[in-house]
Amino acid sequence: MPVALSVNINKVALIRNSRGANRPDLLQIARDLEGYGADGITIHPRPDERHVKYADAYALRDAVCTELNIEGYPSERFLQMVHEVKPAQCTLVPDAPGQLTSDHGWDARSRHEELRGIIEPLQELGIRVSIFLDPDPEQVAFAKMSGTDRIELYTGPYAHEYKIDPVRAVKAYQQTAKAALAAGLGLNAGHDLDLANLQHFVDHVPGLQEVSIGHALISDALYFGLSNTVNMYKSRCVPTSI
């Protein structure tokens, strides 16, 4: 089965914010991405609102026809917004307030009880919950204890190692994916996936359901155009015979 492609539009919002107006129009870009074949739209509003703003989440709620995935650290403000917007999916990440980008997963071993207290109220609203996790099979059992529906594997290390040794790069992800499947958890992935490394990941990680890609996809769109770029990424979301 093809892996779903959710496009993160944070960088589109960053360009918009740089001129203080509404160009590019974030809602129109989201609609266009869906029209070009994206299976979902991802946003990650940060406390300083340097790209996607909290107000964008409310506007996108009514504009997105596929699935809206809202990522973020579960601060009081973030959770209030998620409870009000009720996206299809909420991805919880352990980011510090001023962090440039997500670069590690939760330590579910020590924080699964805390996460459970956050996850259950979201699920009661009909929101699917995913937690950001490093590629570590030992973390999966504790992620399961948190009550999460899915885990999202942090693929930054994979993207770095892929350039050196693709087989070694994907090994921990394969092991973690197998543990997630055995535990009955859904599986997402994201961070630094691109046109060069995505196909290998899709081909070798069992049970993968969704990838979230933003920076690379929007950067590639500068060269190939948004429609062509979405199609290029979508083609790499289809497993090949290996």
Protein backbone atom coordinates (compact mmCIF):
# COMPACT_ATOMS: atom_id res chain seq x y z
CA MET A 1 0.00 0.00 0.00
CA PRO A 2 1.26 3.53 -0.71
CA VAL A 3 2.48 5.51 2.27
CA ALA A 4 0.45 8.67 2.92
CA LEU A 5 2.23 11.97 2.26
CA SER A 6 1.46 14.82 4.65
CA VAL A 7 3.07 18.09 3.58
CA ASN A 8 4.37 20.39 6.30
CA ILE A 9 3.69 24.00 5.27
CA ASN A 10 5.71 25.76 7.97
CA LYS A 11 8.21 27.11 5.43
CA VAL A 12 5.40 28.55 3.33
CA ALA A 13 4.23 30.45 6.42
CA LEU A 14 7.80 31.60 7.06
CA ILE A 15 7.95 33.23 3.62
CA ARG A 16 4.54 34.83 4.17
CA ASN A 17 5.55 36.25 7.54
CA SER A 18 8.73 37.82 6.15
CA ARG A 19 6.68 40.53 4.41
CA GLY A 20 3.88 40.92 6.93
CA ALA A 21 1.09 40.24 4.44
CA ASN A 22 -0.71 37.18 3.10
CA ARG A 23 1.55 36.23 0.23
CA PRO A 24 1.81 33.35 -0.31
CA ASP A 25 -1.69 32.55 0.87
CA LEU A 26 -1.27 29.65 3.30
CA LEU A 27 -4.84 28.39 2.91
CA GLN A 28 -4.64 28.41 -0.88
CA ILE A 29 -1.33 26.56 -0.79
CA ALA A 30 -2.90 23.92 1.46
CA ARG A 31 -5.82 23.52 -0.95
CA ASP A 32 -3.46 23.35 -3.93
CA LEU A 33 -1.29 20.70 -2.25
CA GLU A 34 -4.37 18.58 -1.68
CA GLY A 35 -5.38 19.08 -5.30
CA TYR A 36 -1.92 17.94 -6.42
CA GLY A 37 -2.26 14.73 -4.42
CA ALA A 38 -1.06 15.38 -0.87
CA ASP A 39 -2.83 13.08 1.58
CA GLY A 40 -2.66 15.58 4.43
CA ILE A 41 -1.36 18.92 5.68
CA THR A 42 0.97 19.25 8.66
CA ILE A 43 1.68 22.36 10.71
CA HIS A 44 3.93 22.87 13.71
CA PRO A 45 3.09 26.17 15.45
CA ARG A 46 5.87 27.20 17.80
CA PRO A 47 5.56 29.52 20.82
CA ASP A 48 7.17 32.47 18.98
CA GLU A 49 4.93 31.93 15.90
CA ARG A 50 7.89 32.51 13.62
CA HIS A 51 6.19 30.57 10.83
CA VAL A 52 2.76 28.97 11.31
CA LYS A 53 0.67 31.03 13.70
CA TYR A 54 -1.88 29.68 16.12
CA ALA A 55 -4.58 31.55 14.20
CA ASP A 56 -3.59 29.56 11.09
CA ALA A 57 -4.62 26.34 12.81
CA TYR A 58 -8.19 27.58 13.18
CA ALA A 59 -8.32 28.76 9.57
CA LEU A 60 -6.85 25.51 8.23
CA ARG A 61 -9.41 23.50 10.19
CA ASP A 62 -12.06 24.70 7.74
CA ALA A 63 -9.82 24.74 4.65
CA VAL A 64 -8.22 21.29 4.75
CA CYS A 65 -10.28 18.51 3.16
CA THR A 66 -7.84 15.64 3.71
CA GLU A 67 -6.21 15.32 7.15
CA LEU A 68 -4.85 18.13 9.28
CA ASN A 69 -1.94 17.07 11.49
CA ILE A 70 -0.88 19.53 14.17
CA GLU A 71 2.54 18.97 15.74
CA GLY A 72 3.92 20.60 18.83
CA TYR A 73 5.05 20.50 22.41
CA PRO A 74 2.03 19.93 24.69
CA SER A 75 2.07 23.28 26.48
CA GLU A 76 -1.16 24.58 27.96
CA ARG A 77 -1.63 26.99 25.07
CA PHE A 78 -0.91 24.33 22.46
CA LEU A 79 -3.30 21.83 23.99
CA GLN A 80 -6.07 24.39 24.29
CA MET A 81 -5.73 25.15 20.59
CA VAL A 82 -5.71 21.45 19.63
CA HIS A 83 -8.78 20.79 21.77
CA GLU A 84 -10.60 23.60 19.95
CA VAL A 85 -9.43 22.85 16.41
CA LYS A 86 -9.82 19.04 16.71
CA PRO A 87 -7.43 18.03 13.90
CA ALA A 88 -7.45 14.52 12.50
CA GLN A 89 -4.09 13.91 14.14
CA CYS A 90 -1.99 15.53 16.84
CA THR A 91 1.71 14.71 16.96
CA LEU A 92 3.35 15.43 20.31
CA VAL A 93 7.02 16.43 20.20
CA PRO A 94 9.40 17.13 23.12
CA ASP A 95 10.71 20.47 21.80
CA ALA A 96 12.11 23.17 24.04
CA PRO A 97 10.42 26.61 23.61
CA GLY A 98 13.18 28.18 21.51
CA GLN A 99 14.21 25.09 19.57
CA LEU A 100 15.06 25.64 15.90
CA THR A 101 13.64 22.31 14.76
CA SER A 102 12.69 18.95 16.26
CA ASP A 103 15.82 16.87 16.78
CA HIS A 104 14.92 14.07 19.20
CA GLY A 105 12.04 11.94 20.36
CA TRP A 106 10.35 11.46 23.72
CA ASP A 107 11.87 9.36 26.45
CA ALA A 108 8.71 7.29 26.77
CA ARG A 109 10.35 5.14 29.43
CA SER A 110 10.33 7.99 31.95
CA ARG A 111 7.40 10.03 30.64
CA HIS A 112 4.73 7.56 29.53
CA GLU A 113 2.47 8.36 32.49
CA GLU A 114 2.72 12.09 31.79
CA LEU A 115 1.99 11.46 28.12
CA ARG A 116 -1.00 9.29 28.96
CA GLY A 117 -2.57 12.19 30.84
CA ILE A 118 -2.22 14.33 27.72
CA ILE A 119 -3.18 11.71 25.15
CA GLU A 120 -6.41 10.38 26.62
CA PRO A 121 -8.31 13.72 26.57
CA LEU A 122 -7.28 14.20 22.92
CA GLN A 123 -8.51 10.76 21.98
CA GLU A 124 -11.81 11.43 23.71
CA LEU A 125 -12.28 14.24 21.18
CA GLY A 126 -11.73 11.82 18.31
CA ILE A 127 -8.17 12.98 17.61
CA ARG A 128 -5.61 10.37 16.56
CA VAL A 129 -2.43 10.86 18.58
CA SER A 130 1.15 10.19 17.55
CA ILE A 131 4.27 10.75 19.64
CA PHE A 132 7.70 11.60 18.24
CA LEU A 133 10.15 8.80 18.98
CA ASP A 134 13.79 8.01 18.28
CA PRO A 135 14.53 4.74 16.42
CA ASP A 136 14.89 2.61 19.55
CA PRO A 137 12.93 -0.65 19.83
CA GLU A 138 13.14 -0.52 23.63
CA GLN A 139 11.09 2.68 23.68
CA VAL A 140 8.14 1.09 21.89
CA ALA A 141 6.72 -0.82 24.87
CA PHE A 142 6.70 2.40 26.91
CA ALA A 143 5.13 4.30 24.03
CA LYS A 144 2.40 1.66 24.06
CA MET A 145 1.90 2.29 27.79
CA SER A 146 1.29 5.98 27.04
CA GLY A 147 -1.86 5.02 25.13
CA THR A 148 -0.72 6.64 21.88
CA ASP A 149 -2.24 5.49 18.61
CA ARG A 150 0.94 5.89 16.58
CA ILE A 151 4.59 6.74 16.87
CA GLU A 152 6.42 9.04 14.49
CA LEU A 153 10.03 8.00 13.98
CA TYR A 154 12.53 10.87 13.95
CA THR A 155 14.40 10.34 10.68
CA GLY A 156 17.13 12.98 11.02
CA PRO A 157 19.82 10.38 11.83
CA TYR A 158 18.64 8.21 8.94
CA ALA A 159 18.96 11.09 6.46
CA HIS A 160 22.50 11.82 7.65
CA GLU A 161 23.66 8.19 7.66
CA TYR A 162 21.96 7.37 4.35
CA LYS A 163 24.63 9.30 2.44
CA ILE A 164 27.29 7.04 3.95
CA ASP A 165 25.66 3.62 4.32
CA PRO A 166 21.97 3.21 3.39
CA VAL A 167 21.75 -0.32 4.80
CA ARG A 168 23.12 0.65 8.19
CA ALA A 169 21.11 3.87 8.19
CA VAL A 170 17.76 2.11 8.09
CA LYS A 171 18.52 -0.82 10.43
CA ALA A 172 17.35 0.72 13.73
CA TYR A 173 14.20 1.97 11.99
CA GLN A 174 13.41 -1.53 10.75
CA GLN A 175 13.80 -2.92 14.25
CA THR A 176 11.68 -0.21 15.82
CA ALA A 177 9.00 -0.59 13.14
CA LYS A 178 8.79 -4.34 13.79
CA ALA A 179 8.41 -3.67 17.51
CA ALA A 180 5.65 -1.12 16.78
CA LEU A 181 3.80 -3.60 14.57
CA ALA A 182 4.04 -6.26 17.28
CA ALA A 183 2.69 -3.77 19.83
CA GLY A 184 -0.22 -2.79 17.61
CA LEU A 185 0.97 0.79 17.13
CA GLY A 186 0.63 2.76 13.91
CA LEU A 187 3.80 4.10 12.31
CA ASN A 188 4.64 7.53 10.91
CA ALA A 189 8.02 9.08 10.09
CA GLY A 190 9.45 12.50 9.44
CA HIS A 191 12.39 14.90 9.40
CA ASP A 192 14.92 15.41 6.59
CA LEU A 193 13.30 12.89 4.28
CA ASP A 194 13.81 13.97 0.67
CA LEU A 195 13.75 12.82 -2.95
CA ALA A 196 17.10 11.05 -2.54
CA ASN A 197 16.43 9.00 0.60
CA LEU A 198 12.64 8.57 0.78
CA GLN A 199 12.26 5.55 -1.51
CA HIS A 200 14.84 3.51 0.39
CA PHE A 201 13.08 4.25 3.67
CA VAL A 202 9.65 3.35 2.30
CA ASP A 203 10.99 0.11 0.81
CA HIS A 204 12.73 -1.08 3.97
CA VAL A 205 10.59 0.03 6.93
CA PRO A 206 7.65 -2.36 7.47
CA GLY A 207 4.23 -1.04 8.38
CA LEU A 208 4.97 2.59 7.51
CA GLN A 209 1.69 4.50 7.17
CA GLU A 210 2.59 8.17 6.79
CA VAL A 211 5.53 10.48 6.19
CA SER A 212 5.51 14.18 7.01
CA ILE A 213 7.79 16.25 4.78
CA GLY A 214 8.14 20.01 4.64
CA HIS A 215 11.52 21.71 4.26
CA ALA A 216 12.86 19.47 1.49
CA LEU A 217 9.59 19.40 -0.44
CA ILE A 218 9.09 23.16 -0.38
CA SER A 219 12.75 23.66 -1.34
CA ASP A 220 12.42 21.25 -4.26
CA ALA A 221 9.29 23.10 -5.39
CA LEU A 222 11.48 26.14 -6.13
CA TYR A 223 13.06 24.09 -8.91
CA PHE A 224 10.31 21.73 -10.05
CA GLY A 225 7.10 23.57 -9.18
CA LEU A 226 4.67 22.58 -6.45
CA SER A 227 2.52 20.19 -8.49
CA ASN A 228 5.48 18.32 -10.01
CA THR A 229 7.22 18.11 -6.65
CA VAL A 230 4.21 16.59 -4.88
CA ASN A 231 3.95 13.99 -7.65
CA MET A 232 7.66 13.20 -7.35
CA TYR A 233 7.35 12.62 -3.62
CA LYS A 234 4.13 10.65 -4.02
CA SER A 235 5.86 8.31 -6.48
CA ARG A 236 8.49 7.57 -3.84
CA CYS A 237 5.78 6.75 -1.30
CA VAL A 238 4.90 3.61 -3.25
CA PRO A 239 6.98 0.59 -2.15
CA THR A 240 8.96 -1.06 -4.94
CA SER A 241 9.94 -4.71 -5.31
CA ILE A 242 13.21 -5.35 -3.54
